[in-house]
Amino acid sequence: MNPPSHLDNSNIDALILAAGEARRFGRPKQLLPWGADETILSHVIRQVQSTPGIARTFVVLGAWFEEICAALAGTLQNCNIEVIRNPDWQEGMFTSLSAGLKHLRRKDEPAKASENYGILVLLGDMPFITPATLDLFVGAQKAESMRPLIACEGERPAHPYLLRRQHIGEILSLSGESGIRPFIQKEFPEARKIPVDHAAGRRDVDTWESYFKQRPESSGPVIPPP
């Protein structure tokens, strides 16, 4: 994987949240094999990097930080990925979103200060979001300047979603207990909706059963704990 060549022309950054402990797995779920020569997290990164129109990719890590950074060192370096460390990962996913948004807000770049700057938020354990879906976000972002873009499965919000700079303050003011859900529910009726196919926007890898059932046949061997 190589960094995208369209950095100067894009006004979208990707923020991948991958800080969870995955306690059910007893090991870094992010590093489980997913297809030939890939892991769950490196596959998500490749999907993002394969999408023209996304400028930079940021990955929020927390649990298993050293192990993941060491295992994916080549991917992170070759793809020009910036890692954001979330020291509060044990308090839930919202802390990872907050850490990422605070990091991006601190980056004082005039090119990213326009109203239509977008932050595309993805989950690191949802390897089913394809570049074709991400292309829909890139295309819709060019036509929108203020509204968030939210994936939908029928009439229900799903993942991923694209936030605007002006949304950051409101989101950071939310309670960690409710997470971003109140913002999504409030904005969803008027948001630009991006349909996702085959329940991709709601399907994640959260148990050994779901992992073995959904992973590509070309995935490398792995032995779950007894």
Protein backbone atom coordinates (compact mmCIF):
# COMPACT_ATOMS: atom_id res chain seq x y z
CA MET A 1 0.00 0.00 0.00
CA ASN A 2 1.24 3.46 -0.84
CA PRO A 3 0.05 6.84 0.42
CA PRO A 4 -2.59 8.38 -1.86
CA SER A 5 -1.30 10.81 -4.49
CA HIS A 6 -4.23 13.22 -4.18
CA LEU A 7 -3.31 14.82 -0.85
CA ASP A 8 -3.36 18.42 -2.04
CA ASN A 9 -6.79 18.20 -3.65
CA SER A 10 -8.73 16.47 -0.90
CA ASN A 11 -10.60 17.96 2.00
CA ILE A 12 -11.36 14.72 3.85
CA ASP A 13 -9.35 13.04 6.59
CA ALA A 14 -10.09 9.53 7.81
CA LEU A 15 -10.16 8.69 11.52
CA ILE A 16 -10.05 4.97 12.32
CA LEU A 17 -10.99 4.04 15.90
CA ALA A 18 -9.09 0.91 16.96
CA ALA A 19 -8.27 1.35 20.65
CA GLY A 20 -10.42 -1.38 22.19
CA GLU A 21 -9.08 -4.28 24.23
CA ALA A 22 -11.28 -6.96 22.60
CA ARG A 23 -11.37 -8.83 25.92
CA ARG A 24 -13.33 -11.75 24.45
CA PHE A 25 -10.40 -12.54 22.18
CA GLY A 26 -7.64 -12.46 24.78
CA ARG A 27 -5.31 -10.86 22.23
CA PRO A 28 -5.28 -7.86 19.88
CA LYS A 29 -8.30 -8.40 17.65
CA GLN A 30 -6.86 -5.73 15.36
CA LEU A 31 -4.06 -8.16 14.43
CA LEU A 32 -6.14 -11.23 13.61
CA PRO A 33 -5.56 -12.47 10.04
CA TRP A 34 -7.99 -11.10 7.47
CA GLY A 35 -7.25 -12.33 4.00
CA ALA A 36 -3.84 -13.08 2.59
CA ASP A 37 -1.05 -11.17 4.33
CA GLU A 38 -3.43 -8.81 6.09
CA THR A 39 -4.94 -8.23 9.52
CA ILE A 40 -8.33 -6.79 10.38
CA LEU A 41 -6.86 -3.35 11.00
CA SER A 42 -4.45 -3.32 8.06
CA HIS A 43 -7.37 -4.31 5.82
CA VAL A 44 -9.45 -1.37 7.05
CA ILE A 45 -6.46 0.90 6.44
CA ARG A 46 -6.07 -0.48 2.90
CA GLN A 47 -9.74 0.15 2.14
CA VAL A 48 -9.31 3.77 3.17
CA GLN A 49 -6.03 4.19 1.32
CA SER A 50 -7.58 2.72 -1.82
CA THR A 51 -10.19 5.48 -1.91
CA PRO A 52 -9.26 8.56 -3.98
CA GLY A 53 -10.31 11.74 -2.26
CA ILE A 54 -9.17 10.91 1.27
CA ALA A 55 -6.13 12.97 2.15
CA ARG A 56 -4.79 11.68 5.43
CA THR A 57 -5.44 8.67 7.62
CA PHE A 58 -5.28 8.74 11.42
CA VAL A 59 -5.57 5.65 13.62
CA VAL A 60 -6.51 5.87 17.29
CA LEU A 61 -4.91 3.11 19.39
CA GLY A 62 -5.09 2.35 23.09
CA ALA A 63 -5.06 -1.24 24.33
CA TRP A 64 -2.22 -3.37 22.98
CA PHE A 65 -0.57 -0.15 21.76
CA GLU A 66 3.02 -1.43 21.57
CA GLU A 67 2.02 -4.79 20.08
CA ILE A 68 -0.09 -3.22 17.32
CA CYS A 69 2.47 -0.55 16.46
CA ALA A 70 5.22 -3.17 16.23
CA ALA A 71 3.18 -5.63 14.15
CA LEU A 72 1.93 -2.97 11.73
CA ALA A 73 5.06 -0.84 11.65
CA GLY A 74 5.53 -1.35 7.93
CA THR A 75 1.91 -0.55 7.10
CA LEU A 76 1.85 2.54 9.31
CA GLN A 77 5.09 3.88 7.85
CA ASN A 78 4.53 2.99 4.20
CA CYS A 79 1.01 4.41 4.21
CA ASN A 80 2.01 7.55 6.08
CA ILE A 81 -0.43 6.80 8.90
CA GLU A 82 -0.42 9.06 11.95
CA VAL A 83 -1.14 7.17 15.17
CA ILE A 84 -3.04 8.89 17.99
CA ARG A 85 -2.68 7.28 21.40
CA ASN A 86 -5.77 7.23 23.60
CA PRO A 87 -4.69 6.83 27.24
CA ASP A 88 -8.34 6.64 28.35
CA TRP A 89 -9.36 3.73 26.12
CA GLN A 90 -10.69 1.73 29.09
CA GLU A 91 -13.48 4.30 29.49
CA GLY A 92 -15.07 3.40 26.16
CA MET A 93 -15.07 4.13 22.44
CA PHE A 94 -16.17 7.72 22.83
CA THR A 95 -12.81 8.53 24.41
CA SER A 96 -11.14 7.40 21.18
CA LEU A 97 -13.38 9.61 19.08
CA SER A 98 -12.68 12.51 21.44
CA ALA A 99 -8.93 11.92 21.30
CA GLY A 100 -9.02 11.88 17.51
CA LEU A 101 -11.18 14.99 17.17
CA LYS A 102 -9.05 16.93 19.66
CA HIS A 103 -5.93 15.95 17.75
CA LEU A 104 -7.40 17.09 14.43
CA ARG A 105 -8.70 20.32 15.91
CA ARG A 106 -5.21 21.18 17.16
CA LYS A 107 -3.83 20.91 13.65
CA ASP A 108 -3.97 24.52 12.51
CA GLU A 109 -3.97 24.16 8.74
CA PRO A 110 -5.66 26.83 6.61
CA ALA A 111 -6.41 24.25 3.92
CA LYS A 112 -8.51 22.30 6.44
CA ALA A 113 -10.30 25.30 7.92
CA SER A 114 -13.05 25.52 5.32
CA GLU A 115 -16.62 24.61 6.24
CA ASN A 116 -16.71 21.59 3.94
CA TYR A 117 -13.71 19.94 5.59
CA GLY A 118 -14.80 16.42 6.51
CA ILE A 119 -13.65 13.88 9.08
CA LEU A 120 -14.66 10.38 8.02
CA VAL A 121 -14.95 8.19 11.13
CA LEU A 122 -14.59 4.42 10.76
CA LEU A 123 -14.30 1.55 13.22
CA GLY A 124 -11.18 -0.58 13.12
CA ASP A 125 -13.13 -3.83 13.54
CA MET A 126 -15.48 -3.31 10.60
CA PRO A 127 -13.55 -4.62 7.59
CA PHE A 128 -16.68 -4.81 5.43
CA ILE A 129 -16.76 -1.14 4.42
CA THR A 130 -15.47 -1.11 0.84
CA PRO A 131 -13.84 1.64 -1.23
CA ALA A 132 -17.06 1.72 -3.28
CA THR A 133 -18.96 2.83 -0.17
CA LEU A 134 -16.23 5.28 0.80
CA ASP A 135 -16.39 6.71 -2.75
CA LEU A 136 -20.02 7.63 -2.05
CA PHE A 137 -18.92 9.68 0.94
CA VAL A 138 -16.23 11.44 -1.10
CA GLY A 139 -18.69 12.27 -3.87
CA ALA A 140 -21.40 13.46 -1.48
CA GLN A 141 -18.94 15.55 0.50
CA LYS A 142 -18.18 17.64 -2.57
CA ALA A 143 -21.86 18.56 -2.88
CA GLU A 144 -22.41 19.30 0.80
CA SER A 145 -20.88 22.00 2.95
CA MET A 146 -22.58 21.86 6.33
CA ARG A 147 -24.53 18.68 6.96
CA PRO A 148 -22.93 15.50 8.29
CA LEU A 149 -22.94 12.43 6.07
CA ILE A 150 -24.21 9.29 7.80
CA ALA A 151 -24.33 5.74 6.46
CA CYS A 152 -27.74 4.15 6.69
CA GLU A 153 -29.12 0.66 6.58
CA GLY A 154 -32.70 1.25 5.56
CA GLU A 155 -33.93 3.95 7.90
CA ARG A 156 -31.35 3.27 10.60
CA PRO A 157 -28.01 5.03 11.04
CA ALA A 158 -24.93 2.88 10.56
CA HIS A 159 -21.18 3.27 10.05
CA PRO A 160 -19.19 5.11 8.85
CA TYR A 161 -20.11 8.79 9.21
CA LEU A 162 -18.52 12.06 8.15
CA LEU A 163 -18.36 15.03 10.52
CA ARG A 164 -17.68 18.70 9.84
CA ARG A 165 -15.29 20.99 11.65
CA GLN A 166 -18.21 22.89 13.17
CA HIS A 167 -19.49 19.68 14.78
CA ILE A 168 -16.37 19.01 16.85
CA GLY A 169 -17.20 21.31 19.77
CA GLU A 170 -20.73 19.93 20.14
CA ILE A 171 -19.53 16.33 20.04
CA LEU A 172 -16.77 16.90 22.59
CA SER A 173 -19.35 18.37 24.96
CA LEU A 174 -21.32 15.12 25.04
CA SER A 175 -21.27 12.67 27.92
CA GLY A 176 -19.00 9.69 27.57
CA GLU A 177 -21.82 7.43 28.75
CA SER A 178 -24.06 8.21 25.80
CA GLY A 179 -21.21 8.60 23.34
CA ILE A 180 -21.95 10.16 19.98
CA ARG A 181 -25.40 8.58 19.77
CA PRO A 182 -27.34 11.75 20.76
CA PHE A 183 -25.59 13.72 18.02
CA ILE A 184 -26.26 11.05 15.38
CA GLN A 185 -29.91 10.73 16.39
CA LYS A 186 -30.40 14.50 16.32
CA GLU A 187 -28.72 14.98 12.95
CA PHE A 188 -29.88 11.83 11.18
CA PRO A 189 -33.27 13.11 9.91
CA GLU A 190 -31.67 15.98 7.97
CA ALA A 191 -28.25 14.45 7.33
CA ARG A 192 -27.11 13.37 3.90
CA LYS A 193 -27.62 9.60 4.05
CA ILE A 194 -25.27 7.15 2.38
CA PRO A 195 -26.78 3.67 1.89
CA VAL A 196 -24.62 0.68 2.76
CA ASP A 197 -25.15 -2.79 1.33
CA HIS A 198 -25.40 -6.19 2.98
CA ALA A 199 -25.54 -4.75 6.50
CA ALA A 200 -21.88 -3.76 6.13
CA GLY A 201 -22.43 -0.68 8.23
CA ARG A 202 -23.65 -2.66 11.23
CA ARG A 203 -21.56 -5.80 11.02
CA ASP A 204 -18.41 -6.04 13.09
CA VAL A 205 -16.13 -8.78 14.41
CA ASP A 206 -16.90 -9.09 18.12
CA THR A 207 -16.68 -12.84 18.88
CA TRP A 208 -14.56 -15.77 17.80
CA GLU A 209 -17.65 -17.25 16.15
CA SER A 210 -18.29 -14.14 14.07
CA TYR A 211 -14.61 -13.92 13.17
CA PHE A 212 -14.35 -17.45 11.80
CA LYS A 213 -17.74 -17.19 10.11
CA GLN A 214 -16.98 -13.95 8.29
CA ARG A 215 -13.27 -13.91 7.61
CA PRO A 216 -11.97 -14.50 4.06
CA GLU A 217 -11.00 -18.07 3.21
CA SER A 218 -7.47 -16.91 2.40
CA SER A 219 -6.88 -15.77 5.98
CA GLY A 220 -3.91 -17.23 7.80
CA PRO A 221 -4.23 -19.80 10.59
CA VAL A 222 -5.08 -18.73 14.11
CA ILE A 223 -5.84 -20.75 17.23
CA PRO A 224 -8.33 -19.23 19.70
CA PRO A 225 -7.69 -19.63 23.41
CA PRO A 226 -9.33 -22.66 25.09
